[in-house]
């Protein structure tokens, strides 16, 4: 089993997880994705979340922050939470959570652990 598959499987075990994706930040293409819903377009989510990370990095650089200072970004939607964690190797992983059942702090902790796998 590949490391990416192991990481995604672990991410999907987070309570409230609807989908998980590992994205190359240069191409904005998913390196791997898993979802428990057929209606989630994780390729599109990967593309959009990469734009969010790029915009955040651009804005923070104006204040003198280094890219590695961003731990994660939480995008809150009506029924979902998108937790985006930039990795140091120019990829990022994201986790889409059911807002009603998710625990963002526990999800953040788990993503930190998953990062160590990659």
N, C-alpha and C. Protein backbone atom coordinates (compact mmCIF):
# COMPACT_ATOMS: atom_id res chain seq x y z
N UNK A 1 0.85 -1.18 0.00
CA UNK A 1 0.00 0.00 0.00
C UNK A 1 0.90 1.24 0.00
N UNK A 2 0.59 2.21 -0.86
CA UNK A 2 1.42 3.42 -0.95
C UNK A 2 1.26 4.30 0.28
N UNK A 3 2.25 5.12 0.52
CA UNK A 3 2.21 6.05 1.64
C UNK A 3 1.05 7.02 1.50
N UNK A 4 0.79 7.47 0.28
CA UNK A 4 -0.33 8.39 0.05
C UNK A 4 -1.65 7.71 0.40
N UNK A 5 -1.82 6.46 0.00
CA UNK A 5 -3.06 5.73 0.32
C UNK A 5 -3.21 5.57 1.83
N UNK A 6 -2.12 5.25 2.51
CA UNK A 6 -2.15 5.10 3.98
C UNK A 6 -2.55 6.43 4.62
N UNK A 7 -1.95 7.53 4.14
CA UNK A 7 -2.26 8.85 4.71
C UNK A 7 -3.72 9.22 4.49
N UNK A 8 -4.23 8.97 3.28
CA UNK A 8 -5.63 9.30 2.98
C UNK A 8 -6.59 8.43 3.79
N UNK A 9 -6.27 7.16 3.93
CA UNK A 9 -7.10 6.26 4.73
C UNK A 9 -7.16 6.74 6.17
N UNK A 10 -6.02 7.14 6.69
CA UNK A 10 -5.96 7.66 8.06
C UNK A 10 -6.78 8.94 8.19
N UNK A 11 -6.68 9.83 7.20
CA UNK A 11 -7.45 11.07 7.23
C UNK A 11 -8.95 10.79 7.20
N UNK A 12 -9.35 9.80 6.44
CA UNK A 12 -10.79 9.49 6.34
C UNK A 12 -11.35 8.89 7.63
N UNK A 13 -10.48 8.48 8.53
CA UNK A 13 -10.93 7.96 9.83
C UNK A 13 -11.26 9.08 10.82
N UNK A 14 -10.90 10.31 10.49
CA UNK A 14 -11.21 11.45 11.35
C UNK A 14 -12.73 11.60 11.41
N UNK A 15 -13.25 11.79 12.61
CA UNK A 15 -14.70 11.91 12.76
C UNK A 15 -15.25 13.06 11.92
N UNK A 16 -16.26 12.76 11.13
CA UNK A 16 -16.89 13.77 10.30
C UNK A 16 -16.25 13.91 8.92
N UNK A 17 -15.19 13.14 8.63
CA UNK A 17 -14.50 13.27 7.34
C UNK A 17 -15.42 12.86 6.19
N UNK A 18 -15.51 13.73 5.20
CA UNK A 18 -16.28 13.46 3.98
C UNK A 18 -15.35 13.16 2.82
N UNK A 19 -14.16 13.76 2.83
CA UNK A 19 -13.21 13.56 1.76
C UNK A 19 -11.84 14.05 2.18
N UNK A 20 -10.82 13.49 1.54
CA UNK A 20 -9.44 13.90 1.81
C UNK A 20 -8.69 13.88 0.48
N UNK A 21 -7.79 14.84 0.32
CA UNK A 21 -7.04 14.92 -0.93
C UNK A 21 -5.63 15.44 -0.64
N UNK A 22 -4.64 14.88 -1.33
CA UNK A 22 -3.26 15.35 -1.28
C UNK A 22 -2.98 15.97 -2.64
N UNK A 23 -2.52 17.23 -2.63
CA UNK A 23 -2.44 18.03 -3.85
C UNK A 23 -1.03 18.53 -4.09
N UNK A 24 -0.59 18.49 -5.35
CA UNK A 24 0.65 19.14 -5.74
C UNK A 24 0.36 20.62 -5.90
N UNK A 25 1.07 21.46 -5.18
CA UNK A 25 0.74 22.89 -5.17
C UNK A 25 1.14 23.62 -6.45
N UNK A 26 2.04 23.05 -7.24
CA UNK A 26 2.44 23.69 -8.48
C UNK A 26 1.41 23.43 -9.58
N UNK A 27 1.07 22.16 -9.77
CA UNK A 27 0.13 21.79 -10.83
C UNK A 27 -1.33 21.88 -10.39
N UNK A 28 -1.56 21.93 -9.09
CA UNK A 28 -2.90 21.91 -8.49
C UNK A 28 -3.64 20.60 -8.75
N UNK A 29 -2.91 19.56 -9.07
CA UNK A 29 -3.51 18.26 -9.36
C UNK A 29 -3.43 17.36 -8.13
N UNK A 30 -4.50 16.58 -7.90
CA UNK A 30 -4.48 15.64 -6.78
C UNK A 30 -3.45 14.53 -6.99
N UNK A 31 -2.69 14.25 -5.96
CA UNK A 31 -1.78 13.11 -5.98
C UNK A 31 -2.50 11.86 -5.48
N UNK A 32 -3.57 12.10 -4.76
CA UNK A 32 -4.42 11.03 -4.25
C UNK A 32 -5.64 11.65 -3.60
N UNK A 33 -6.75 10.93 -3.63
CA UNK A 33 -7.99 11.44 -3.04
C UNK A 33 -8.87 10.29 -2.60
N UNK A 34 -9.66 10.53 -1.57
CA UNK A 34 -10.66 9.57 -1.08
C UNK A 34 -11.89 10.35 -0.63
N UNK A 35 -13.04 9.75 -0.82
CA UNK A 35 -14.28 10.40 -0.42
C UNK A 35 -15.31 9.34 -0.04
N UNK A 36 -16.20 9.71 0.85
CA UNK A 36 -17.30 8.82 1.20
C UNK A 36 -18.59 9.26 0.50
N UNK A 37 -18.49 10.31 -0.32
CA UNK A 37 -19.64 10.81 -1.09
C UNK A 37 -19.28 10.89 -2.56
N UNK A 38 -20.13 10.36 -3.41
CA UNK A 38 -19.90 10.45 -4.85
C UNK A 38 -20.07 11.86 -5.37
N UNK A 39 -20.75 12.71 -4.62
CA UNK A 39 -21.05 14.06 -5.08
C UNK A 39 -19.89 15.03 -4.86
N UNK A 40 -18.86 14.63 -4.13
CA UNK A 40 -17.71 15.51 -3.90
C UNK A 40 -16.76 15.43 -5.10
N UNK A 41 -16.50 16.56 -5.72
CA UNK A 41 -15.53 16.64 -6.81
C UNK A 41 -14.20 17.06 -6.20
N UNK A 42 -13.40 16.08 -5.80
CA UNK A 42 -12.16 16.38 -5.09
C UNK A 42 -11.11 17.00 -5.99
N UNK A 43 -11.15 16.73 -7.28
CA UNK A 43 -10.21 17.39 -8.19
C UNK A 43 -10.50 18.89 -8.23
N UNK A 44 -11.76 19.25 -8.29
CA UNK A 44 -12.13 20.66 -8.28
C UNK A 44 -11.81 21.29 -6.94
N UNK A 45 -12.08 20.57 -5.86
CA UNK A 45 -11.76 21.08 -4.52
C UNK A 45 -10.26 21.29 -4.37
N UNK A 46 -9.46 20.36 -4.91
CA UNK A 46 -8.01 20.49 -4.85
C UNK A 46 -7.55 21.74 -5.57
N UNK A 47 -8.11 21.98 -6.72
CA UNK A 47 -7.75 23.15 -7.52
C UNK A 47 -8.10 24.43 -6.76
N UNK A 48 -9.32 24.49 -6.24
CA UNK A 48 -9.77 25.69 -5.51
C UNK A 48 -9.03 25.92 -4.22
N UNK A 49 -8.76 24.85 -3.48
CA UNK A 49 -8.05 25.00 -2.22
C UNK A 49 -6.60 25.42 -2.43
N UNK A 50 -6.01 24.99 -3.54
CA UNK A 50 -4.66 25.45 -3.87
C UNK A 50 -4.66 26.96 -4.09
N UNK A 51 -5.71 27.46 -4.75
CA UNK A 51 -5.83 28.91 -4.94
C UNK A 51 -5.94 29.63 -3.60
N UNK A 52 -6.67 29.04 -2.66
CA UNK A 52 -6.81 29.63 -1.32
C UNK A 52 -5.44 29.70 -0.64
N UNK A 53 -4.68 28.61 -0.73
CA UNK A 53 -3.35 28.58 -0.10
C UNK A 53 -2.43 29.61 -0.75
N UNK A 54 -2.45 29.68 -2.07
CA UNK A 54 -1.60 30.65 -2.77
C UNK A 54 -1.95 32.08 -2.38
N UNK A 55 -3.25 32.38 -2.31
CA UNK A 55 -3.67 33.73 -1.92
C UNK A 55 -3.24 34.04 -0.49
N UNK A 56 -3.39 33.06 0.38
CA UNK A 56 -3.01 33.27 1.79
C UNK A 56 -1.50 33.50 1.92
N UNK A 57 -0.72 32.71 1.18
CA UNK A 57 0.73 32.89 1.21
C UNK A 57 1.13 34.26 0.69
N UNK A 58 0.47 34.70 -0.37
CA UNK A 58 0.76 36.00 -0.95
C UNK A 58 0.45 37.12 0.05
N UNK A 59 -0.71 37.03 0.67
CA UNK A 59 -1.10 38.05 1.64
C UNK A 59 -0.16 38.08 2.84
N UNK A 60 0.20 36.93 3.36
CA UNK A 60 1.08 36.88 4.53
C UNK A 60 2.50 37.32 4.21
N UNK A 61 2.94 37.08 2.97
CA UNK A 61 4.30 37.51 2.62
C UNK A 61 4.42 39.04 2.65
N UNK A 62 3.32 39.73 2.44
CA UNK A 62 3.33 41.19 2.52
C UNK A 62 3.61 41.67 3.94
N UNK A 63 3.35 40.81 4.92
CA UNK A 63 3.59 41.14 6.32
C UNK A 63 4.89 40.52 6.83
N UNK A 64 5.66 39.92 5.92
CA UNK A 64 6.94 39.35 6.30
C UNK A 64 6.91 37.94 6.85
N UNK A 65 5.78 37.25 6.74
CA UNK A 65 5.69 35.87 7.22
C UNK A 65 6.26 34.92 6.18
N UNK A 66 6.94 33.89 6.64
CA UNK A 66 7.47 32.86 5.77
C UNK A 66 6.40 31.81 5.51
N UNK A 67 6.44 31.14 4.34
CA UNK A 67 5.42 30.14 4.01
C UNK A 67 5.26 29.04 5.05
N UNK A 68 6.38 28.63 5.67
CA UNK A 68 6.29 27.54 6.64
C UNK A 68 5.62 27.96 7.94
N UNK A 69 5.31 29.25 8.09
CA UNK A 69 4.63 29.71 9.30
C UNK A 69 3.13 29.41 9.26
N UNK A 70 2.59 29.07 8.10
CA UNK A 70 1.17 28.72 8.01
C UNK A 70 1.01 27.27 8.45
N UNK A 71 0.25 27.06 9.50
CA UNK A 71 0.00 25.70 9.96
C UNK A 71 -1.16 25.09 9.20
N UNK A 72 -2.27 25.80 9.13
CA UNK A 72 -3.41 25.34 8.35
C UNK A 72 -4.36 26.49 8.11
N UNK A 73 -5.32 26.26 7.23
CA UNK A 73 -6.37 27.23 6.93
C UNK A 73 -7.70 26.49 7.02
N UNK A 74 -8.66 27.09 7.69
CA UNK A 74 -9.99 26.50 7.81
C UNK A 74 -10.97 27.36 7.04
N UNK A 75 -11.64 26.75 6.06
CA UNK A 75 -12.67 27.42 5.29
C UNK A 75 -14.00 26.86 5.78
N UNK A 76 -14.85 27.73 6.29
CA UNK A 76 -16.12 27.33 6.88
C UNK A 76 -17.26 27.59 5.91
N UNK A 77 -17.96 26.53 5.53
CA UNK A 77 -19.12 26.63 4.65
C UNK A 77 -20.37 26.28 5.45
N UNK A 78 -21.53 26.40 4.84
CA UNK A 78 -22.77 26.13 5.55
C UNK A 78 -22.81 24.72 6.12
N UNK A 79 -22.47 23.72 5.32
CA UNK A 79 -22.56 22.35 5.81
C UNK A 79 -21.23 21.63 5.89
N UNK A 80 -20.14 22.31 5.53
CA UNK A 80 -18.84 21.66 5.49
C UNK A 80 -17.76 22.57 6.08
N UNK A 81 -16.69 21.91 6.49
CA UNK A 81 -15.46 22.61 6.88
C UNK A 81 -14.36 22.06 5.98
N UNK A 82 -13.58 22.94 5.39
CA UNK A 82 -12.44 22.52 4.58
C UNK A 82 -11.18 22.90 5.36
N UNK A 83 -10.45 21.89 5.81
CA UNK A 83 -9.23 22.10 6.58
C UNK A 83 -8.05 21.85 5.64
N UNK A 84 -7.28 22.90 5.37
CA UNK A 84 -6.18 22.84 4.40
C UNK A 84 -4.87 23.00 5.16
N UNK A 85 -3.98 22.04 4.97
CA UNK A 85 -2.68 22.06 5.67
C UNK A 85 -1.56 22.02 4.64
N UNK A 86 -0.86 23.14 4.43
CA UNK A 86 0.28 23.13 3.51
C UNK A 86 1.42 22.29 4.08
N UNK A 87 2.02 21.47 3.23
CA UNK A 87 3.16 20.66 3.63
C UNK A 87 4.43 21.34 3.14
N UNK A 88 5.54 21.02 3.74
CA UNK A 88 6.79 21.70 3.42
C UNK A 88 7.35 21.31 2.06
N UNK A 89 6.86 20.22 1.47
CA UNK A 89 7.41 19.77 0.18
C UNK A 89 6.56 20.22 -1.00
N UNK A 90 5.96 21.41 -0.92
CA UNK A 90 5.20 22.01 -2.01
C UNK A 90 3.99 21.18 -2.41
N UNK A 91 3.44 20.47 -1.47
CA UNK A 91 2.16 19.83 -1.66
C UNK A 91 1.32 20.26 -0.48
N UNK A 92 0.04 20.02 -0.55
CA UNK A 92 -0.77 20.26 0.64
C UNK A 92 -1.85 19.21 0.70
N UNK A 93 -2.29 18.97 1.90
CA UNK A 93 -3.37 18.02 2.07
C UNK A 93 -4.56 18.76 2.62
N UNK A 94 -5.69 18.27 2.27
CA UNK A 94 -6.91 18.90 2.74
C UNK A 94 -7.89 17.85 3.20
N UNK A 95 -8.74 18.26 4.08
CA UNK A 95 -9.73 17.36 4.62
C UNK A 95 -11.05 18.10 4.61
N UNK A 96 -12.06 17.48 4.01
CA UNK A 96 -13.40 18.06 4.00
C UNK A 96 -14.20 17.35 5.08
N UNK A 97 -14.74 18.15 5.99
CA UNK A 97 -15.42 17.62 7.16
C UNK A 97 -16.89 18.00 7.17
N UNK A 98 -17.71 17.11 7.68
CA UNK A 98 -19.11 17.41 7.91
C UNK A 98 -19.17 18.35 9.11
N UNK A 99 -19.67 19.54 8.90
CA UNK A 99 -19.63 20.56 9.95
C UNK A 99 -20.39 20.13 11.20
N UNK A 100 -21.43 19.36 11.03
CA UNK A 100 -22.26 18.94 12.15
C UNK A 100 -21.57 17.90 13.04
N UNK A 101 -20.69 17.10 12.46
CA UNK A 101 -20.08 15.99 13.20
C UNK A 101 -18.59 16.13 13.44
N UNK A 102 -17.97 17.13 12.86
CA UNK A 102 -16.51 17.25 12.91
C UNK A 102 -16.02 17.93 14.18
N UNK A 103 -14.79 17.64 14.49
CA UNK A 103 -14.07 18.27 15.59
C UNK A 103 -12.77 18.83 15.00
N UNK A 104 -12.77 20.09 14.56
CA UNK A 104 -11.60 20.64 13.85
C UNK A 104 -10.28 20.51 14.60
N UNK A 105 -10.28 20.68 15.91
CA UNK A 105 -9.02 20.57 16.65
C UNK A 105 -8.45 19.15 16.59
N UNK A 106 -9.32 18.15 16.68
CA UNK A 106 -8.86 16.77 16.57
C UNK A 106 -8.39 16.48 15.14
N UNK A 107 -9.09 17.04 14.16
CA UNK A 107 -8.68 16.86 12.76
C UNK A 107 -7.33 17.49 12.51
N UNK A 108 -7.09 18.66 13.06
CA UNK A 108 -5.79 19.32 12.91
C UNK A 108 -4.67 18.46 13.49
N UNK A 109 -4.92 17.91 14.65
CA UNK A 109 -3.92 17.05 15.30
C UNK A 109 -3.63 15.83 14.44
N UNK A 110 -4.65 15.24 13.88
CA UNK A 110 -4.46 14.07 13.03
C UNK A 110 -3.71 14.42 11.75
N UNK A 111 -4.00 15.57 11.16
CA UNK A 111 -3.27 15.98 9.95
C UNK A 111 -1.79 16.21 10.24
N UNK A 112 -1.48 16.71 11.42
CA UNK A 112 -0.06 16.86 11.79
C UNK A 112 0.62 15.50 11.83
N UNK A 113 -0.07 14.51 12.38
CA UNK A 113 0.48 13.16 12.43
C UNK A 113 0.61 12.54 11.05
N UNK A 114 -0.36 12.79 10.21
CA UNK A 114 -0.31 12.25 8.84
C UNK A 114 0.83 12.88 8.06
N UNK A 115 1.09 14.16 8.30
CA UNK A 115 2.20 14.82 7.62
C UNK A 115 3.51 14.10 7.86
N UNK A 116 3.68 13.57 9.04
CA UNK A 116 4.91 12.85 9.36
C UNK A 116 5.07 11.60 8.49
N UNK A 117 3.97 11.01 8.04
CA UNK A 117 4.02 9.85 7.15
C UNK A 117 4.56 10.21 5.77
N UNK A 118 4.23 11.42 5.35
CA UNK A 118 4.57 11.82 3.99
C UNK A 118 5.93 12.43 3.98
